[in-house]
Amino acid sequence: EEGGEATYVLVMPQGERSLHDACAKERIAGID
C-alpha cells in the first residue's frame, strides 16, 4: 500500500446482507 501503514486485505465473495440488516429492514423476527 503506497504511503501510510501496511494493510492486509482479505478477498471474499460479496454477501447480500447480514442477518442483522435483514431482520432490521425486512421485518423477519416476530413476523415471519
Full PDB file with SEQRES, HELIX, SHEET, SSBOND, CRYST1, ORIGX, SCALE, CONECT and MASTER records, all heavy atoms in Angstrom:
SEQRES   1 A   32  GLU GLU GLY GLY GLU ALA THR TYR VAL LEU VAL MET PRO          
SEQRES   2 A   32  GLN GLY GLU ARG SER LEU HIS ASP ALA CYS ALA LYS GLU          
SEQRES   3 A   32  ARG ILE ALA GLY ILE ASP                                      
HELIX    1 AA1 LEU A   19  GLU A   26  1                                   8    
CRYST1    1.000    1.000    1.000  90.00  90.00  90.00 P 1           1          
ORIGX1      1.000000  0.000000  0.000000        0.00000                         
ORIGX2      0.000000  1.000000  0.000000        0.00000                         
ORIGX3      0.000000  0.000000  1.000000        0.00000                         
SCALE1      1.000000  0.000000  0.000000        0.00000                         
SCALE2      0.000000  1.000000  0.000000        0.00000                         
SCALE3      0.000000  0.000000  1.000000        0.00000                         
ATOM      1  N   GLU A   1       0.869  -1.164   0.000  1.00  0.00           N  
ATOM      2  CA  GLU A   1       0.000   0.000   0.000  1.00  0.00           C  
ATOM      3  C   GLU A   1       0.913   1.223   0.000  1.00  0.00           C  
ATOM      4  O   GLU A   1       1.768   1.341   0.857  1.00  0.00           O  
ATOM      5  CB  GLU A   1      -0.865  -0.045   1.258  1.00  0.00           C  
ATOM      6  CG  GLU A   1      -1.912   1.009   1.315  1.00  0.00           C  
ATOM      7  CD  GLU A   1      -3.009   0.809   0.289  1.00  0.00           C  
ATOM      8  OE1 GLU A   1      -3.134  -0.287  -0.261  1.00  0.00           O  
ATOM      9  OE2 GLU A   1      -3.722   1.785   0.020  1.00  0.00           O  
ATOM     10  N   GLU A   2       0.720   2.105  -0.979  1.00  0.00           N  
ATOM     11  CA  GLU A   2       1.575   3.287  -1.049  1.00  0.00           C  
ATOM     12  C   GLU A   2       1.279   4.239   0.105  1.00  0.00           C  
ATOM     13  O   GLU A   2       0.131   4.574   0.353  1.00  0.00           O  
ATOM     14  CB  GLU A   2       1.359   4.040  -2.371  1.00  0.00           C  
ATOM     15  CG  GLU A   2       1.877   3.299  -3.583  1.00  0.00           C  
ATOM     16  CD  GLU A   2       0.777   2.543  -4.296  1.00  0.00           C  
ATOM     17  OE1 GLU A   2      -0.112   2.019  -3.606  1.00  0.00           O  
ATOM     18  OE2 GLU A   2       0.831   2.473  -5.509  1.00  0.00           O  
ATOM     19  N   GLY A   3       2.313   4.658   0.794  1.00  0.00           N  
ATOM     20  CA  GLY A   3       2.180   5.641   1.861  1.00  0.00           C  
ATOM     21  C   GLY A   3       1.365   5.127   3.038  1.00  0.00           C  
ATOM     22  O   GLY A   3       0.404   4.411   2.872  1.00  0.00           O  
ATOM     23  N   GLY A   4       1.757   5.450   4.201  1.00  0.00           N  
ATOM     24  CA  GLY A   4       0.996   5.039   5.375  1.00  0.00           C  
ATOM     25  C   GLY A   4       1.356   3.643   5.837  1.00  0.00           C  
ATOM     26  O   GLY A   4       2.288   3.023   5.344  1.00  0.00           O  
ATOM     27  N   GLU A   5       0.564   3.163   6.798  1.00  0.00           N  
ATOM     28  CA  GLU A   5       0.897   1.866   7.381  1.00  0.00           C  
ATOM     29  C   GLU A   5       0.455   0.715   6.479  1.00  0.00           C  
ATOM     30  O   GLU A   5      -0.387   0.862   5.611  1.00  0.00           O  
ATOM     31  CB  GLU A   5       0.304   1.741   8.783  1.00  0.00           C  
ATOM     32  CG  GLU A   5      -1.196   1.645   8.866  1.00  0.00           C  
ATOM     33  CD  GLU A   5      -1.672   1.673  10.308  1.00  0.00           C  
ATOM     34  OE1 GLU A   5      -1.732   0.599  10.927  1.00  0.00           O  
ATOM     35  OE2 GLU A   5      -1.989   2.761  10.788  1.00  0.00           O  
ATOM     36  N   ALA A   6       1.059  -0.414   6.709  1.00  0.00           N  
ATOM     37  CA  ALA A   6       0.763  -1.594   5.925  1.00  0.00           C  
ATOM     38  C   ALA A   6      -0.685  -2.014   6.129  1.00  0.00           C  
ATOM     39  O   ALA A   6      -1.252  -1.842   7.205  1.00  0.00           O  
ATOM     40  CB  ALA A   6       1.687  -2.733   6.329  1.00  0.00           C  
ATOM     41  N   THR A   7      -1.275  -2.552   5.080  1.00  0.00           N  
ATOM     42  CA  THR A   7      -2.619  -3.081   5.189  1.00  0.00           C  
ATOM     43  C   THR A   7      -2.630  -4.515   4.691  1.00  0.00           C  
ATOM     44  O   THR A   7      -1.854  -4.899   3.825  1.00  0.00           O  
ATOM     45  CB  THR A   7      -3.639  -2.262   4.384  1.00  0.00           C  
ATOM     46  OG1 THR A   7      -3.219  -2.205   3.027  1.00  0.00           O  
ATOM     47  CG2 THR A   7      -3.792  -0.868   4.926  1.00  0.00           C  
ATOM     48  N   TYR A   8      -3.531  -5.273   5.277  1.00  0.00           N  
ATOM     49  CA  TYR A   8      -3.749  -6.660   4.901  1.00  0.00           C  
ATOM     50  C   TYR A   8      -5.183  -6.749   4.400  1.00  0.00           C  
ATOM     51  O   TYR A   8      -6.092  -6.202   5.041  1.00  0.00           O  
ATOM     52  CB  TYR A   8      -3.539  -7.563   6.118  1.00  0.00           C  
ATOM     53  CG  TYR A   8      -2.135  -7.494   6.662  1.00  0.00           C  
ATOM     54  CD1 TYR A   8      -1.765  -6.507   7.581  1.00  0.00           C  
ATOM     55  CD2 TYR A   8      -1.169  -8.400   6.241  1.00  0.00           C  
ATOM     56  CE1 TYR A   8      -0.469  -6.445   8.070  1.00  0.00           C  
ATOM     57  CE2 TYR A   8       0.131  -8.338   6.727  1.00  0.00           C  
ATOM     58  CZ  TYR A   8       0.470  -7.354   7.639  1.00  0.00           C  
ATOM     59  OH  TYR A   8       1.749  -7.293   8.113  1.00  0.00           O  
ATOM     60  N   VAL A   9      -5.393  -7.410   3.273  1.00  0.00           N  
ATOM     61  CA  VAL A   9      -6.721  -7.425   2.660  1.00  0.00           C  
ATOM     62  C   VAL A   9      -7.166  -8.854   2.393  1.00  0.00           C  
ATOM     63  O   VAL A   9      -6.486  -9.597   1.681  1.00  0.00           O  
ATOM     64  CB  VAL A   9      -6.724  -6.620   1.335  1.00  0.00           C  
ATOM     65  CG1 VAL A   9      -8.111  -6.634   0.706  1.00  0.00           C  
ATOM     66  CG2 VAL A   9      -6.240  -5.198   1.560  1.00  0.00           C  
ATOM     67  N   LEU A  10      -8.315  -9.227   2.965  1.00  0.00           N  
ATOM     68  CA  LEU A  10      -8.961 -10.498   2.654  1.00  0.00           C  
ATOM     69  C   LEU A  10      -9.973 -10.240   1.546  1.00  0.00           C  
ATOM     70  O   LEU A  10     -10.693  -9.237   1.585  1.00  0.00           O  
ATOM     71  CB  LEU A  10      -9.695 -11.052   3.873  1.00  0.00           C  
ATOM     72  CG  LEU A  10      -8.856 -11.421   5.084  1.00  0.00           C  
ATOM     73  CD1 LEU A  10      -9.765 -11.805   6.251  1.00  0.00           C  
ATOM     74  CD2 LEU A  10      -7.916 -12.560   4.755  1.00  0.00           C  
ATOM     75  N   VAL A  11     -10.030 -11.138   0.572  1.00  0.00           N  
ATOM     76  CA  VAL A  11     -10.971 -11.009  -0.538  1.00  0.00           C  
ATOM     77  C   VAL A  11     -11.966 -12.161  -0.417  1.00  0.00           C  
ATOM     78  O   VAL A  11     -11.575 -13.328  -0.415  1.00  0.00           O  
ATOM     79  CB  VAL A  11     -10.254 -11.059  -1.898  1.00  0.00           C  
ATOM     80  CG1 VAL A  11     -11.248 -10.841  -3.027  1.00  0.00           C  
ATOM     81  CG2 VAL A  11      -9.125 -10.028  -1.952  1.00  0.00           C  
ATOM     82  N   MET A  12     -13.250 -11.805  -0.300  1.00  0.00           N  
ATOM     83  CA  MET A  12     -14.302 -12.793  -0.101  1.00  0.00           C  
ATOM     84  C   MET A  12     -15.439 -12.545  -1.080  1.00  0.00           C  
ATOM     85  O   MET A  12     -15.563 -11.432  -1.611  1.00  0.00           O  
ATOM     86  CB  MET A  12     -14.845 -12.688   1.328  1.00  0.00           C  
ATOM     87  CG  MET A  12     -13.801 -12.964   2.395  1.00  0.00           C  
ATOM     88  SD  MET A  12     -14.334 -12.481   4.055  1.00  0.00           S  
ATOM     89  CE  MET A  12     -14.065 -10.713   3.995  1.00  0.00           C  
ATOM     90  N   PRO A  13     -16.289 -13.552  -1.317  1.00  0.00           N  
ATOM     91  CA  PRO A  13     -17.475 -13.301  -2.135  1.00  0.00           C  
ATOM     92  C   PRO A  13     -18.346 -12.246  -1.455  1.00  0.00           C  
ATOM     93  O   PRO A  13     -18.405 -12.181  -0.223  1.00  0.00           O  
ATOM     94  CB  PRO A  13     -18.212 -14.644  -2.156  1.00  0.00           C  
ATOM     95  CG  PRO A  13     -17.228 -15.652  -1.689  1.00  0.00           C  
ATOM     96  CD  PRO A  13     -16.226 -14.931  -0.846  1.00  0.00           C  
ATOM     97  N   GLN A  14     -18.992 -11.439  -2.254  1.00  0.00           N  
ATOM     98  CA  GLN A  14     -19.853 -10.404  -1.696  1.00  0.00           C  
ATOM     99  C   GLN A  14     -21.176 -11.022  -1.259  1.00  0.00           C  
ATOM    100  O   GLN A  14     -21.852 -11.665  -2.049  1.00  0.00           O  
ATOM    101  CB  GLN A  14     -20.109  -9.322  -2.743  1.00  0.00           C  
ATOM    102  CG  GLN A  14     -20.954  -8.178  -2.244  1.00  0.00           C  
ATOM    103  CD  GLN A  14     -21.105  -7.101  -3.290  1.00  0.00           C  
ATOM    104  OE1 GLN A  14     -20.132  -6.660  -3.879  1.00  0.00           O  
ATOM    105  NE2 GLN A  14     -22.328  -6.696  -3.543  1.00  0.00           N  
ATOM    106  N   GLY A  15     -21.532 -10.834   0.004  1.00  0.00           N  
ATOM    107  CA  GLY A  15     -22.822 -11.280   0.508  1.00  0.00           C  
ATOM    108  C   GLY A  15     -23.891 -10.263   0.159  1.00  0.00           C  
ATOM    109  O   GLY A  15     -23.599  -9.123  -0.207  1.00  0.00           O  
ATOM    110  N   GLU A  16     -25.127 -10.716   0.287  1.00  0.00           N  
ATOM    111  CA  GLU A  16     -26.246  -9.823   0.007  1.00  0.00           C  
ATOM    112  C   GLU A  16     -26.489  -8.865   1.170  1.00  0.00           C  
ATOM    113  O   GLU A  16     -26.646  -7.676   0.987  1.00  0.00           O  
ATOM    114  CB  GLU A  16     -27.488 -10.660  -0.277  1.00  0.00           C  
ATOM    115  CG  GLU A  16     -28.648  -9.880  -0.787  1.00  0.00           C  
ATOM    116  CD  GLU A  16     -29.808 -10.788  -1.139  1.00  0.00           C  
ATOM    117  OE1 GLU A  16     -30.585 -11.142  -0.232  1.00  0.00           O  
ATOM    118  OE2 GLU A  16     -29.918 -11.140  -2.317  1.00  0.00           O  
ATOM    119  N   ARG A  17     -26.564  -9.436   2.396  1.00  0.00           N  
ATOM    120  CA  ARG A  17     -26.711  -8.617   3.603  1.00  0.00           C  
ATOM    121  C   ARG A  17     -26.529  -9.489   4.830  1.00  0.00           C  
ATOM    122  O   ARG A  17     -26.617 -10.705   4.755  1.00  0.00           O  
ATOM    123  CB  ARG A  17     -28.029  -7.864   3.640  1.00  0.00           C  
ATOM    124  CG  ARG A  17     -29.256  -8.667   3.829  1.00  0.00           C  
ATOM    125  CD  ARG A  17     -30.567  -7.862   3.928  1.00  0.00           C  
ATOM    126  NE  ARG A  17     -30.461  -6.454   3.707  1.00  0.00           N  
ATOM    127  CZ  ARG A  17     -31.421  -5.672   3.193  1.00  0.00           C  
ATOM    128  NH1 ARG A  17     -32.571  -6.196   2.872  1.00  0.00           N  
ATOM    129  NH2 ARG A  17     -31.244  -4.394   3.026  1.00  0.00           N  
ATOM    130  N   SER A  18     -26.285  -8.843   5.949  1.00  0.00           N  
ATOM    131  CA  SER A  18     -26.136  -9.585   7.208  1.00  0.00           C  
ATOM    132  C   SER A  18     -27.518  -9.933   7.761  1.00  0.00           C  
ATOM    133  O   SER A  18     -28.528  -9.319   7.401  1.00  0.00           O  
ATOM    134  CB  SER A  18     -25.371  -8.751   8.239  1.00  0.00           C  
ATOM    135  OG  SER A  18     -26.180  -7.689   8.703  1.00  0.00           O  
ATOM    136  N   LEU A  19     -27.549 -10.910   8.655  1.00  0.00           N  
ATOM    137  CA  LEU A  19     -28.801 -11.259   9.318  1.00  0.00           C  
ATOM    138  C   LEU A  19     -29.308 -10.066  10.127  1.00  0.00           C  
ATOM    139  O   LEU A  19     -30.506  -9.802  10.181  1.00  0.00           O  
ATOM    140  CB  LEU A  19     -28.598 -12.486  10.219  1.00  0.00           C  
ATOM    141  CG  LEU A  19     -29.823 -12.947  11.010  1.00  0.00           C  
ATOM    142  CD1 LEU A  19     -31.003 -13.266  10.092  1.00  0.00           C  
ATOM    143  CD2 LEU A  19     -29.458 -14.152  11.869  1.00  0.00           C  
ATOM    144  N   HIS A  20     -28.391  -9.319  10.727  1.00  0.00           N  
ATOM    145  CA  HIS A  20     -28.768  -8.112  11.471  1.00  0.00           C  
ATOM    146  C   HIS A  20     -29.521  -7.144  10.568  1.00  0.00           C  
ATOM    147  O   HIS A  20     -30.597  -6.640  10.917  1.00  0.00           O  
ATOM    148  CB  HIS A  20     -27.508  -7.452  12.048  1.00  0.00           C  
ATOM    149  CG  HIS A  20     -27.787  -6.188  12.784  1.00  0.00           C  
ATOM    150  ND1 HIS A  20     -27.772  -4.956  12.179  1.00  0.00           N  
ATOM    151  CD2 HIS A  20     -28.110  -5.967  14.081  1.00  0.00           C  
ATOM    152  CE1 HIS A  20     -28.059  -4.028  13.064  1.00  0.00           C  
ATOM    153  NE2 HIS A  20     -28.267  -4.621  14.236  1.00  0.00           N  
ATOM    154  N   ASP A  21     -28.974  -6.880   9.402  1.00  0.00           N  
ATOM    155  CA  ASP A  21     -29.590  -5.968   8.445  1.00  0.00           C  
ATOM    156  C   ASP A  21     -30.916  -6.527   7.934  1.00  0.00           C  
ATOM    157  O   ASP A  21     -31.901  -5.800   7.803  1.00  0.00           O  
ATOM    158  CB  ASP A  21     -28.618  -5.711   7.290  1.00  0.00           C  
ATOM    159  CG  ASP A  21     -28.971  -4.487   6.489  1.00  0.00           C  
ATOM    160  OD1 ASP A  21     -29.390  -3.476   7.084  1.00  0.00           O  
ATOM    161  OD2 ASP A  21     -28.821  -4.536   5.248  1.00  0.00           O  
ATOM    162  N   ALA A  22     -30.954  -7.826   7.646  1.00  0.00           N  
ATOM    163  CA  ALA A  22     -32.189  -8.453   7.152  1.00  0.00           C  
ATOM    164  C   ALA A  22     -33.305  -8.348   8.189  1.00  0.00           C  
ATOM    165  O   ALA A  22     -34.448  -8.008   7.849  1.00  0.00           O  
ATOM    166  CB  ALA A  22     -31.933  -9.913   6.781  1.00  0.00           C  
ATOM    167  N   CYS A  23     -32.985  -8.621   9.446  1.00  0.00           N  
ATOM    168  CA  CYS A  23     -34.002  -8.530  10.500  1.00  0.00           C  
ATOM    169  C   CYS A  23     -34.498  -7.098  10.669  1.00  0.00           C  
ATOM    170  O   CYS A  23     -35.689  -6.856  10.870  1.00  0.00           O  
ATOM    171  CB  CYS A  23     -33.458  -9.064  11.823  1.00  0.00           C  
ATOM    172  SG  CYS A  23     -33.342 -10.861  11.869  1.00  0.00           S  
ATOM    173  N   ALA A  24     -33.599  -6.146  10.580  1.00  0.00           N  
ATOM    174  CA  ALA A  24     -33.970  -4.747  10.769  1.00  0.00           C  
ATOM    175  C   ALA A  24     -34.788  -4.186   9.605  1.00  0.00           C  
ATOM    176  O   ALA A  24     -35.724  -3.416   9.811  1.00  0.00           O  
ATOM    177  CB  ALA A  24     -32.712  -3.897  10.957  1.00  0.00           C  
ATOM    178  N   LYS A  25     -34.467  -4.601   8.377  1.00  0.00           N  
ATOM    179  CA  LYS A  25     -35.086  -3.986   7.205  1.00  0.00           C  
ATOM    180  C   LYS A  25     -36.170  -4.827   6.545  1.00  0.00           C  
ATOM    181  O   LYS A  25     -36.974  -4.297   5.789  1.00  0.00           O  
ATOM    182  CB  LYS A  25     -34.005  -3.638   6.190  1.00  0.00           C  
ATOM    183  CG  LYS A  25     -33.054  -2.584   6.729  1.00  0.00           C  
ATOM    184  CD  LYS A  25     -31.983  -2.224   5.756  1.00  0.00           C  
ATOM    185  CE  LYS A  25     -31.100  -1.150   6.370  1.00  0.00           C  
ATOM    186  NZ  LYS A  25     -29.867  -0.966   5.662  1.00  0.00           N  
ATOM    187  N   GLU A  26     -36.195  -6.118   6.822  1.00  0.00           N  
ATOM    188  CA  GLU A  26     -37.172  -6.985   6.162  1.00  0.00           C  
ATOM    189  C   GLU A  26     -38.270  -7.460   7.097  1.00  0.00           C  
ATOM    190  O   GLU A  26     -39.125  -8.251   6.694  1.00  0.00           O  
ATOM    191  CB  GLU A  26     -36.452  -8.180   5.536  1.00  0.00           C  
ATOM    192  CG  GLU A  26     -35.475  -7.773   4.454  1.00  0.00           C  
ATOM    193  CD  GLU A  26     -34.626  -8.929   3.958  1.00  0.00           C  
ATOM    194  OE1 GLU A  26     -34.990 -10.101   4.194  1.00  0.00           O  
ATOM    195  OE2 GLU A  26     -33.597  -8.651   3.335  1.00  0.00           O  
ATOM    196  N   ARG A  27     -38.234  -7.018   8.342  1.00  0.00           N  
ATOM    197  CA  ARG A  27     -39.271  -7.351   9.320  1.00  0.00           C  
ATOM    198  C   ARG A  27     -39.491  -8.860   9.386  1.00  0.00           C  
ATOM    199  O   ARG A  27     -40.589  -9.360   9.204  1.00  0.00           O  
ATOM    200  CB  ARG A  27     -40.552  -6.594   9.010  1.00  0.00           C  
ATOM    201  CG  ARG A  27     -40.347  -5.074   9.040  1.00  0.00           C  
ATOM    202  CD  ARG A  27     -41.575  -4.273   8.706  1.00  0.00           C  
ATOM    203  NE  ARG A  27     -42.790  -4.718   9.364  1.00  0.00           N  
ATOM    204  CZ  ARG A  27     -43.214  -4.311  10.560  1.00  0.00           C  
ATOM    205  NH1 ARG A  27     -42.486  -3.442  11.237  1.00  0.00           N  
ATOM    206  NH2 ARG A  27     -44.335  -4.753  11.084  1.00  0.00           N  
ATOM    207  N   ILE A  28     -38.413  -9.590   9.660  1.00  0.00           N  
ATOM    208  CA  ILE A  28     -38.469 -11.052   9.746  1.00  0.00           C  
ATOM    209  C   ILE A  28     -38.813 -11.492  11.164  1.00  0.00           C  
ATOM    210  O   ILE A  28     -39.781 -12.209  11.375  1.00  0.00           O  
ATOM    211  CB  ILE A  28     -37.116 -11.669   9.318  1.00  0.00           C  
ATOM    212  CG1 ILE A  28     -36.838 -11.370   7.849  1.00  0.00           C  
ATOM    213  CG2 ILE A  28     -37.108 -13.168   9.570  1.00  0.00           C  
ATOM    214  CD1 ILE A  28     -35.444 -11.736   7.398  1.00  0.00           C  
ATOM    215  N   ALA A  29     -38.024 -11.071  12.123  1.00  0.00           N  
ATOM    216  CA  ALA A  29     -38.190 -11.514  13.515  1.00  0.00           C  
ATOM    217  C   ALA A  29     -39.549 -11.084  14.055  1.00  0.00           C  
ATOM    218  O   ALA A  29     -39.945  -9.927  13.923  1.00  0.00           O  
ATOM    219  CB  ALA A  29     -37.068 -10.954  14.375  1.00  0.00           C  
ATOM    220  N   GLY A  30     -40.271 -12.034  14.641  1.00  0.00           N  
ATOM    221  CA  GLY A  30     -41.570 -11.749  15.216  1.00  0.00           C  
ATOM    222  C   GLY A  30     -42.700 -11.653  14.216  1.00  0.00           C  
ATOM    223  O   GLY A  30     -43.850 -11.472  14.601  1.00  0.00           O  
ATOM    224  N   ILE A  31     -42.400 -11.772  12.944  1.00  0.00           N  
ATOM    225  CA  ILE A  31     -43.429 -11.619  11.908  1.00  0.00           C  
ATOM    226  C   ILE A  31     -43.514 -12.848  11.004  1.00  0.00           C  
ATOM    227  O   ILE A  31     -44.582 -13.382  10.756  1.00  0.00           O  
ATOM    228  CB  ILE A  31     -43.166 -10.355  11.067  1.00  0.00           C  
ATOM    229  CG1 ILE A  31     -43.308  -9.129  11.983  1.00  0.00           C  
ATOM    230  CG2 ILE A  31     -44.103 -10.270   9.874  1.00  0.00           C  
ATOM    231  CD1 ILE A  31     -42.921  -7.841  11.371  1.00  0.00           C  
ATOM    232  N   ASP A  32     -42.385 -13.316  10.522  1.00  0.00           N  
ATOM    233  CA  ASP A  32     -42.361 -14.435   9.573  1.00  0.00           C  
ATOM    234  C   ASP A  32     -41.729 -15.657  10.245  1.00  0.00           C  
ATOM    235  O   ASP A  32     -40.524 -15.893  10.143  1.00  0.00           O  
ATOM    236  CB  ASP A  32     -41.565 -14.021   8.327  1.00  0.00           C  
ATOM    237  CG  ASP A  32     -41.646 -15.028   7.202  1.00  0.00           C  
ATOM    238  OD1 ASP A  32     -42.083 -16.180   7.445  1.00  0.00           O  
ATOM    239  OD2 ASP A  32     -41.257 -14.675   6.075  1.00  0.00           O  
TER     240      ASP A  32                                                      
MASTER        0    0    0    1    0    0    0    6  239    1    0    3          
END                                                                             
